[in-house]
Amino acid sequence: MQRPCFIDPFWSPWSSWTGCTSTCGSTGFETRRRSCRDGRNPAQASVRSCPGSGFESRRCNSSPCSRQWSEWGQWSQCNALFCSTTGTQTRSRTCRPLNSQPGRFLRDCPGPRTQSRSCRRNCGIGSWGQWGTWKSCRGNCPSKTQTRRRQCLYTFQTSCVGSRTDVRSCNVGCDSPWEPWGPWGRCSDSCLQTRHRCRICRTSACSSRETKSRYCNVGFCPNLNLRWGAWDIWGQCSSNCSIGIRSRSRQCKVLTSETVSVVLCVRQFGGLASTDEACSGTHCQIAPAWSAWSGYSPCSVTQCGGFGSRVRSRICKQGRLQVRSLLCTGRDTESTIC
């Protein structure tokens, strides 16, 4: 039998294509190879060059990657600053490639990345301060009432349960023989006139009629000699053992120290007819002090590799009562990066 002669070097068959260097989203490459064989001994590589290349490559998997949403993260803390007020909290999710493959993502996931909802700050129960003094009686007999108020001693984490205002019946003077005062009479258009009102005695225990007078139409007077009266003394502090409020007032005077509407003095001189200032009760037995710090809250970070914060808090207390944070020195919250 005649055997063929292999003189010139020749190429072996191409190998299979390798795996693509990219799965999606960016251009990858795959390759294959072949070997140059000796024409006389095909089992050995040839030392002579075969025509062409023994390496070949082509592009692959350049189509965009498919993506899907991750699970929703935890809801953030409610951003309401005070108790019994409404705020907002949010949560987010991440658009990720299927099978966690790298590459450029040209197609977005459908739907929103974040969600929000309304919320109310969860508050503990605070403590009420002492009741203030009763105000003067108002209304007509036999339904007169008077009120008093108290303040809630709270921080941002606490609120008080119950009413801030107390109302009671106070029919003072309803057993008086006098009828209620009638309305003020009309004023003429001339400068600094007076108008009157009267009341009638119901029994023989008093005179039949009583009259009151006051200036009116002061605004028609071009050269009215107005002046502010002296300030009254400060009223009682609204709190006995914490930060409260006290007030004082003054009157507008004309000519022989007669009292007129404070609007006239404000219009001519400016200023206020009444003023308030903060005050502190003087009957405290125990100085306010901070409680121990609470534990830190969970980290607010929503995705791996990011930064968040965690917070801890403490309460200003006076004995067993929780009071306003401003009565203690320092801050009631502390945060750290996580």
Protein backbone atom coordinates (compact mmCIF):
# COMPACT_ATOMS: atom_id res chain seq x y z
CA MET A 1 0.00 0.00 0.00
CA GLN A 2 1.25 3.45 -0.89
CA ARG A 3 1.43 5.89 2.06
CA PRO A 4 0.86 9.64 1.62
CA CYS A 5 3.79 11.95 2.15
CA PHE A 6 3.47 14.90 4.48
CA ILE A 7 6.09 17.35 3.46
CA ASP A 8 4.80 20.83 4.30
CA PRO A 9 3.67 21.84 7.80
CA PHE A 10 -0.07 21.98 8.24
CA TRP A 11 -2.64 23.27 10.75
CA SER A 12 -4.45 21.01 13.19
CA PRO A 13 -8.23 21.45 13.46
CA TRP A 14 -9.44 24.47 15.47
CA SER A 15 -10.18 23.92 19.19
CA SER A 16 -13.59 24.72 20.65
CA TRP A 17 -14.35 28.34 21.53
CA THR A 18 -13.47 29.30 25.13
CA GLY A 19 -16.05 30.79 27.49
CA CYS A 20 -16.92 34.48 26.98
CA THR A 21 -15.10 36.92 29.28
CA SER A 22 -18.38 38.82 29.93
CA THR A 23 -21.88 37.57 30.57
CA CYS A 24 -23.76 40.80 29.67
CA GLY A 25 -23.64 44.55 29.72
CA SER A 26 -20.19 45.00 28.12
CA THR A 27 -18.35 43.50 25.15
CA GLY A 28 -16.52 40.28 25.97
CA PHE A 29 -14.26 38.00 23.96
CA GLU A 30 -13.96 34.27 23.30
CA THR A 31 -10.99 32.54 21.66
CA ARG A 32 -9.90 29.32 19.98
CA ARG A 33 -6.55 27.92 18.90
CA ARG A 34 -4.91 25.51 16.46
CA SER A 35 -1.43 24.01 16.25
CA CYS A 36 1.06 23.91 13.39
CA ARG A 37 2.10 20.29 12.74
CA ASP A 38 5.20 18.82 11.13
CA GLY A 39 4.39 17.42 7.69
CA ARG A 40 6.66 14.46 8.17
CA ASN A 41 5.63 13.64 11.71
CA PRO A 42 2.12 15.00 12.40
CA ALA A 43 2.33 14.05 16.08
CA GLN A 44 5.00 16.72 16.60
CA ALA A 45 4.80 20.44 16.38
CA SER A 46 6.49 21.88 13.38
CA VAL A 47 9.47 24.13 13.68
CA ARG A 48 8.43 25.71 10.42
CA SER A 49 5.66 28.27 10.27
CA CYS A 50 2.25 27.44 8.93
CA PRO A 51 0.56 30.14 6.87
CA GLY A 52 -1.97 32.17 8.89
CA SER A 53 -2.52 32.47 12.63
CA GLY A 54 -2.89 29.84 15.28
CA PHE A 55 -5.09 32.15 17.43
CA GLU A 56 -8.55 33.55 16.69
CA SER A 57 -10.95 35.71 18.78
CA ARG A 58 -14.38 37.19 18.40
CA ARG A 59 -16.73 39.46 20.39
CA CYS A 60 -19.53 38.03 22.49
CA ASN A 61 -22.34 38.86 25.01
CA SER A 62 -22.60 42.61 24.33
CA SER A 63 -26.34 42.76 25.06
CA PRO A 64 -27.51 44.68 28.20
CA CYS A 65 -27.77 42.83 31.49
CA SER A 66 -31.17 42.11 32.99
CA ARG A 67 -31.74 43.54 36.48
CA GLN A 68 -34.18 43.00 39.34
CA TRP A 69 -35.07 44.74 42.60
CA SER A 70 -33.61 43.65 45.90
CA GLU A 71 -35.84 43.25 48.96
CA TRP A 72 -37.07 46.48 50.57
CA GLY A 73 -34.81 47.83 53.34
CA GLN A 74 -35.96 48.74 56.84
CA TRP A 75 -38.14 51.82 57.40
CA SER A 76 -36.17 54.84 58.60
CA GLN A 77 -36.92 56.51 61.91
CA CYS A 78 -39.92 58.85 61.95
CA ASN A 79 -38.70 62.42 61.40
CA ALA A 80 -41.45 64.06 63.50
CA LEU A 81 -39.71 66.37 66.00
CA PHE A 82 -42.41 66.50 68.65
CA CYS A 83 -44.83 64.10 70.22
CA SER A 84 -48.34 63.90 68.76
CA THR A 85 -47.17 65.36 65.44
CA THR A 86 -47.01 63.70 62.04
CA GLY A 87 -43.78 63.02 60.14
CA THR A 88 -42.48 60.82 57.34
CA GLN A 89 -40.36 57.69 57.19
CA THR A 90 -38.81 56.10 54.09
CA ARG A 91 -37.28 52.87 52.88
CA SER A 92 -35.37 51.98 49.69
CA ARG A 93 -34.28 49.07 47.52
CA THR A 94 -31.47 48.46 45.02
CA CYS A 95 -31.69 47.56 41.32
CA ARG A 96 -29.28 44.62 40.91
CA PRO A 97 -28.22 42.40 37.98
CA LEU A 98 -29.53 38.88 37.81
CA ASN A 99 -27.10 36.34 39.27
CA SER A 100 -24.96 39.23 40.60
CA GLN A 101 -23.07 39.52 37.31
CA PRO A 102 -20.88 42.60 36.69
CA GLY A 103 -21.27 44.94 33.73
CA ARG A 104 -23.07 48.07 32.54
CA PHE A 105 -26.76 48.13 33.27
CA LEU A 106 -28.64 49.74 30.43
CA ARG A 107 -32.12 48.70 31.48
CA ASP A 108 -33.60 50.06 34.71
CA CYS A 109 -35.80 48.04 37.02
CA PRO A 110 -39.50 48.99 36.74
CA GLY A 111 -41.05 50.86 39.66
CA PRO A 112 -39.81 53.33 42.31
CA ARG A 113 -36.53 53.00 44.22
CA THR A 114 -37.92 54.54 47.43
CA GLN A 115 -41.19 54.46 49.37
CA SER A 116 -42.48 56.85 52.02
CA ARG A 117 -45.33 56.82 54.50
CA SER A 118 -46.66 59.09 57.21
CA CYS A 119 -45.88 58.29 60.82
CA ARG A 120 -46.32 59.59 64.35
CA ARG A 121 -43.51 59.77 66.86
CA ASN A 122 -43.88 57.17 69.60
CA CYS A 123 -43.73 59.05 72.86
CA GLY A 124 -43.56 58.09 76.48
CA ILE A 125 -45.72 59.72 79.12
CA GLY A 126 -44.45 63.01 80.54
CA SER A 127 -45.34 64.80 83.75
CA TRP A 128 -47.51 67.87 84.28
CA GLY A 129 -46.24 70.89 86.16
CA GLN A 130 -48.33 72.46 88.91
CA TRP A 131 -51.54 74.28 88.06
CA GLY A 132 -51.30 78.02 87.61
CA THR A 133 -53.54 80.52 89.39
CA TRP A 134 -57.21 80.83 88.46
CA LYS A 135 -58.01 83.59 85.98
CA SER A 136 -60.77 86.10 86.63
CA CYS A 137 -64.37 85.05 86.06
CA ARG A 138 -65.83 85.58 82.59
CA GLY A 139 -69.27 85.33 81.09
CA ASN A 140 -72.73 86.21 82.32
CA CYS A 141 -74.67 84.93 85.26
CA PRO A 142 -75.46 82.21 85.96
CA SER A 143 -72.89 80.63 83.59
CA LYS A 144 -69.68 82.38 84.57
CA THR A 145 -66.48 80.33 84.42
CA GLN A 146 -62.83 80.76 85.20
CA THR A 147 -59.82 78.82 83.95
CA ARG A 148 -56.33 77.84 84.99
CA ARG A 149 -53.52 76.22 83.01
CA ARG A 150 -50.52 73.94 83.52
CA GLN A 151 -47.47 73.06 81.43
CA CYS A 152 -46.30 69.67 80.24
CA LEU A 153 -42.73 68.99 81.38
CA TYR A 154 -41.53 67.03 78.39
CA THR A 155 -38.61 66.35 76.07
CA PHE A 156 -38.87 65.30 72.43
CA GLN A 157 -39.52 61.71 73.58
CA THR A 158 -42.38 62.36 75.98
CA SER A 159 -45.83 63.93 76.12
CA CYS A 160 -48.45 64.41 78.79
CA VAL A 161 -51.82 62.72 79.03
CA GLY A 162 -54.76 64.86 80.02
CA SER A 163 -55.93 68.43 79.56
CA ARG A 164 -53.73 71.51 79.78
CA THR A 165 -56.67 73.69 80.86
CA ASP A 166 -58.99 73.34 83.84
CA VAL A 167 -62.39 75.10 83.90
CA ARG A 168 -64.75 75.62 86.81
CA SER A 169 -67.95 77.51 87.53
CA CYS A 170 -67.48 80.83 89.34
CA ASN A 171 -70.73 82.73 89.54
CA VAL A 172 -69.10 85.54 91.48
CA GLY A 173 -71.44 88.48 91.87
CA CYS A 174 -74.45 86.60 90.54
CA ASP A 175 -76.18 87.21 93.84
CA SER A 176 -75.56 90.94 93.41
CA PRO A 177 -78.61 93.21 93.35
CA TRP A 178 -77.23 94.86 90.20
CA GLU A 179 -78.20 93.89 86.67
CA PRO A 180 -75.25 93.32 84.25
CA TRP A 181 -73.74 96.43 82.69
CA GLY A 182 -75.46 97.59 79.54
CA PRO A 183 -73.62 98.29 76.25
CA TRP A 184 -71.59 101.44 75.72
CA GLY A 185 -73.42 104.35 74.14
CA ARG A 186 -72.48 105.85 70.76
CA CYS A 187 -69.72 108.42 70.32
CA SER A 188 -70.00 111.76 68.54
CA ASP A 189 -67.51 112.73 65.82
CA SER A 190 -65.81 115.49 67.81
CA CYS A 191 -62.46 115.13 69.56
CA LEU A 192 -62.11 113.34 72.89
CA GLN A 193 -65.76 112.82 73.65
CA THR A 194 -67.08 110.48 76.31
CA ARG A 195 -69.58 107.67 76.10
CA HIS A 196 -71.46 105.97 78.89
CA ARG A 197 -73.01 102.75 80.01
CA CYS A 198 -75.19 102.00 82.99
CA ARG A 199 -76.68 99.26 85.06
CA ILE A 200 -79.85 99.08 87.08
CA CYS A 201 -80.38 97.99 90.67
CA ARG A 202 -82.85 95.13 91.00
CA THR A 203 -83.66 95.73 94.68
CA SER A 204 -83.97 98.52 97.16
CA ALA A 205 -80.54 97.67 98.56
CA CYS A 206 -78.83 100.03 96.12
CA SER A 207 -79.42 103.20 94.19
CA SER A 208 -81.62 102.80 91.16
CA ARG A 209 -78.92 103.48 88.58
CA GLU A 210 -75.10 103.48 88.22
CA THR A 211 -73.13 104.94 85.29
CA LYS A 212 -69.60 104.53 83.87
CA SER A 213 -67.88 106.86 81.38
CA ARG A 214 -64.79 106.68 79.18
CA TYR A 215 -63.10 108.63 76.40
CA CYS A 216 -63.91 107.79 72.79
CA ASN A 217 -62.93 109.00 69.29
CA VAL A 218 -59.45 109.81 70.52
CA GLY A 219 -58.22 109.27 66.96
CA PHE A 220 -59.94 112.48 65.85
CA CYS A 221 -57.66 114.56 68.08
CA PRO A 222 -54.66 115.95 66.12
CA ASN A 223 -52.63 117.11 69.15
CA LEU A 224 -53.56 114.55 71.78
CA ASN A 225 -51.10 114.36 74.68
CA LEU A 226 -50.60 110.59 74.89
CA ARG A 227 -48.06 108.70 76.97
CA TRP A 228 -47.33 105.16 78.09
CA GLY A 229 -48.05 104.48 81.75
CA ALA A 230 -45.56 102.73 83.99
CA TRP A 231 -45.15 98.98 83.70
CA ASP A 232 -47.05 96.89 86.23
CA ILE A 233 -45.04 94.55 88.44
CA TRP A 234 -44.31 91.09 87.04
CA GLY A 235 -47.02 88.49 87.55
CA GLN A 236 -46.47 85.15 89.23
CA CYS A 237 -44.33 82.56 87.44
CA SER A 238 -46.51 79.88 85.80
CA SER A 239 -44.33 77.08 87.22
CA ASN A 240 -43.14 76.45 90.76
CA CYS A 241 -40.21 74.19 89.94
CA SER A 242 -39.23 74.46 86.26
CA ILE A 243 -39.06 76.95 83.41
CA GLY A 244 -42.31 78.93 83.19
CA ILE A 245 -43.63 82.28 81.94
CA ARG A 246 -44.55 85.51 83.72
CA SER A 247 -46.18 88.62 82.28
CA ARG A 248 -46.60 92.34 82.89
CA SER A 249 -48.55 95.13 81.15
CA ARG A 250 -48.90 98.90 80.93
CA GLN A 251 -51.67 101.30 79.96
CA CYS A 252 -51.98 104.19 77.54
CA LYS A 253 -52.74 107.50 79.30
CA VAL A 254 -54.10 110.84 78.11
CA LEU A 255 -54.36 114.30 79.68
CA THR A 256 -55.19 113.88 83.37
CA SER A 257 -53.99 110.26 83.51
CA GLU A 258 -57.22 108.93 81.96
CA THR A 259 -56.81 105.51 80.37
CA VAL A 260 -57.46 105.13 76.63
CA SER A 261 -56.99 102.33 74.12
CA VAL A 262 -53.43 100.98 73.97
CA VAL A 263 -53.77 100.97 70.16
CA LEU A 264 -53.30 104.75 70.19
CA CYS A 265 -49.96 104.60 72.02
CA VAL A 266 -48.77 101.75 69.84
CA ARG A 267 -49.68 103.77 66.74
CA GLN A 268 -47.88 106.88 67.96
CA PHE A 269 -44.89 105.52 69.89
CA GLY A 270 -44.61 101.84 68.99
CA GLY A 271 -43.79 99.28 71.64
CA LEU A 272 -45.97 96.70 73.35
CA ALA A 273 -48.76 96.94 75.87
CA SER A 274 -47.76 93.63 77.46
CA THR A 275 -44.67 91.47 77.53
CA ASP A 276 -43.69 87.98 78.69
CA GLU A 277 -40.42 86.49 79.86
CA ALA A 278 -39.19 83.10 80.92
CA CYS A 279 -38.93 82.48 84.64
CA SER A 280 -37.85 79.67 86.91
CA GLY A 281 -39.71 78.43 89.96
CA THR A 282 -37.91 78.86 93.28
CA HIS A 283 -39.49 75.99 95.21
CA CYS A 284 -37.40 73.14 93.80
CA GLN A 285 -35.99 70.68 96.29
CA ILE A 286 -33.81 68.59 93.92
CA ALA A 287 -31.52 69.85 91.16
CA PRO A 288 -32.24 68.47 87.65
CA ALA A 289 -29.79 65.78 86.46
CA TRP A 290 -29.34 63.50 83.43
CA SER A 291 -30.33 59.84 83.51
CA ALA A 292 -27.95 57.16 82.18
CA TRP A 293 -27.56 56.96 78.39
CA SER A 294 -29.84 54.54 76.56
CA GLY A 295 -28.40 51.91 74.22
CA TYR A 296 -27.55 52.90 70.65
CA SER A 297 -30.27 52.51 68.01
CA PRO A 298 -29.69 50.17 65.01
CA CYS A 299 -27.48 51.58 62.23
CA SER A 300 -29.49 53.53 59.64
CA VAL A 301 -27.33 52.40 56.69
CA THR A 302 -29.45 50.87 53.89
CA GLN A 303 -26.84 49.28 51.62
CA CYS A 304 -23.54 47.48 51.94
CA GLY A 305 -20.50 49.73 51.85
CA GLY A 306 -22.40 52.90 52.78
CA PHE A 307 -22.42 54.96 55.97
CA GLY A 308 -25.22 55.55 58.42
CA SER A 309 -25.68 56.71 61.98
CA ARG A 310 -26.95 55.38 65.26
CA VAL A 311 -28.35 57.42 68.13
CA ARG A 312 -28.69 57.14 71.88
CA SER A 313 -30.55 59.43 74.27
CA ARG A 314 -30.95 60.38 77.93
CA ILE A 315 -33.61 62.10 80.01
CA CYS A 316 -33.40 65.16 82.24
CA LYS A 317 -35.02 64.30 85.57
CA GLN A 318 -35.75 66.14 88.78
CA GLY A 319 -36.16 63.50 91.41
CA ARG A 320 -38.62 61.04 89.87
CA LEU A 321 -40.14 63.59 87.50
CA GLN A 322 -39.03 64.01 83.90
CA VAL A 323 -38.49 67.69 83.08
CA ARG A 324 -37.40 69.74 80.07
CA SER A 325 -33.95 68.98 78.67
CA LEU A 326 -32.87 72.64 78.86
CA LEU A 327 -32.87 72.36 82.67
CA CYS A 328 -29.86 70.01 82.45
CA THR A 329 -26.46 70.95 81.03
CA GLY A 330 -25.55 69.26 77.74
CA ARG A 331 -27.45 67.46 74.98
CA ASP A 332 -30.19 64.85 75.31
CA THR A 333 -29.11 62.90 72.20
CA GLU A 334 -25.78 61.67 70.84
CA SER A 335 -25.01 60.08 67.46
CA THR A 336 -22.10 58.17 65.94
CA ILE A 337 -21.22 57.07 62.40
CA CYS A 338 -21.64 53.40 61.55
